[in-house]
Protein backbone atom coordinates (compact mmCIF):
# COMPACT_ATOMS: atom_id res chain seq x y z
CA MET A 1 19.44 2.03 13.99
CA LEU A 2 19.33 1.22 10.50
CA ALA A 3 15.70 1.59 9.27
CA ILE A 4 14.48 -0.52 6.33
CA THR A 5 11.97 0.64 3.89
CA THR A 6 9.50 -0.87 1.75
CA GLN A 7 11.98 0.20 -1.42
CA ASP A 8 14.84 -1.70 0.35
CA VAL A 9 12.71 -4.89 0.82
CA ILE A 10 10.66 -4.70 -2.71
CA GLU A 11 14.25 -4.03 -4.44
CA GLU A 12 15.67 -7.22 -2.71
CA MET A 13 12.24 -9.13 -3.66
CA THR A 14 12.73 -8.13 -7.22
CA ASN A 15 16.51 -9.29 -7.02
CA ALA A 16 15.74 -12.76 -5.59
CA PHE A 17 13.02 -13.63 -7.96
CA LEU A 18 13.84 -11.93 -11.16
CA GLY A 19 17.71 -12.33 -11.02
CA THR A 20 20.18 -10.36 -12.49
CA ASP A 21 19.53 -11.46 -16.12
CA ALA A 22 16.18 -9.62 -15.86
CA THR A 23 15.68 -6.47 -18.20
CA SER A 24 15.00 -2.80 -16.68
CA ARG A 25 11.68 -3.04 -18.29
CA GLN A 26 11.01 -6.60 -16.11
CA LYS A 27 12.60 -4.95 -12.77
CA TYR A 28 9.99 -2.00 -13.44
CA LEU A 29 7.06 -4.20 -13.77
CA PHE A 30 7.85 -6.70 -10.87
CA GLU A 31 8.49 -3.68 -8.50
CA GLN A 32 5.14 -1.62 -9.74
CA SER A 33 3.46 -4.93 -8.94
CA LEU A 34 4.87 -4.99 -5.44
CA HIS A 35 4.00 -1.06 -4.81
CA ASN A 36 1.02 -1.60 -5.75
CA LEU A 37 0.02 -4.69 -3.34
CA VAL A 38 1.80 -2.40 -0.57
CA ARG A 39 -1.02 0.77 -1.37
CA ILE A 40 -3.94 -2.08 -1.42
CA ALA A 41 -2.82 -3.60 2.08
CA GLN A 42 -2.27 -0.18 3.50
CA ALA A 43 -5.92 0.85 2.13
CA GLU A 44 -7.51 -2.32 3.55
CA GLN A 45 -5.77 -2.04 6.85
CA LYS A 46 -7.55 1.99 6.98
CA ILE A 47 -10.74 0.64 6.43
CA GLU A 48 -10.33 -2.21 9.13
CA ILE A 49 -8.82 0.50 11.54
CA LYS A 50 -11.92 2.44 10.68
CA ALA A 51 -14.08 -0.24 11.18
CA SER A 52 -12.78 -1.50 14.57
CA VAL A 53 -12.50 2.48 16.05
CA LYS A 54 -16.31 2.86 15.20
CA LYS A 55 -17.11 -0.20 16.47
CA LEU A 56 -15.29 0.35 19.76
CA THR A 57 -16.67 4.23 19.88
CA GLY A 58 -19.74 4.07 17.76
CA ALA A 59 -18.33 7.20 16.32
CA ASP A 60 -18.47 7.94 12.58
CA LEU A 61 -15.07 8.67 11.14
CA ALA A 62 -16.00 9.97 7.74
CA ASP A 63 -14.27 13.25 8.19
CA THR A 64 -11.11 11.95 9.69
CA GLU A 65 -7.80 10.88 7.88
CA LEU A 66 -8.47 7.30 8.01
CA CYS A 67 -11.20 7.36 5.37
CA MET A 68 -10.40 6.58 2.08
CA PRO A 69 -10.69 9.97 -0.33
CA LYS A 70 -14.26 10.42 -1.70
CA VAL A 71 -14.48 10.49 -5.43
CA MET A 72 -16.52 13.66 -6.62
CA PRO A 73 -18.97 13.25 -9.38
CA ARG A 74 -17.93 15.06 -12.81
CA ASN A 75 -20.81 17.84 -13.99
């Protein structure tokens, strides 16, 4: 079975939106914007999953993989 990756979809969207006349810089900026949207969506999904699990179980998942990384304060 052929697996379609996020990169494949981003390339297709870039080509469809910008066409063949786009510069490499335009393509790069558009692709990076789409990658950032994917990252934001993944982070939001993890937050929603964490909230759902906490609501259903009453458990605090602060030390699990589902939570966002904590920023360490600078000294």
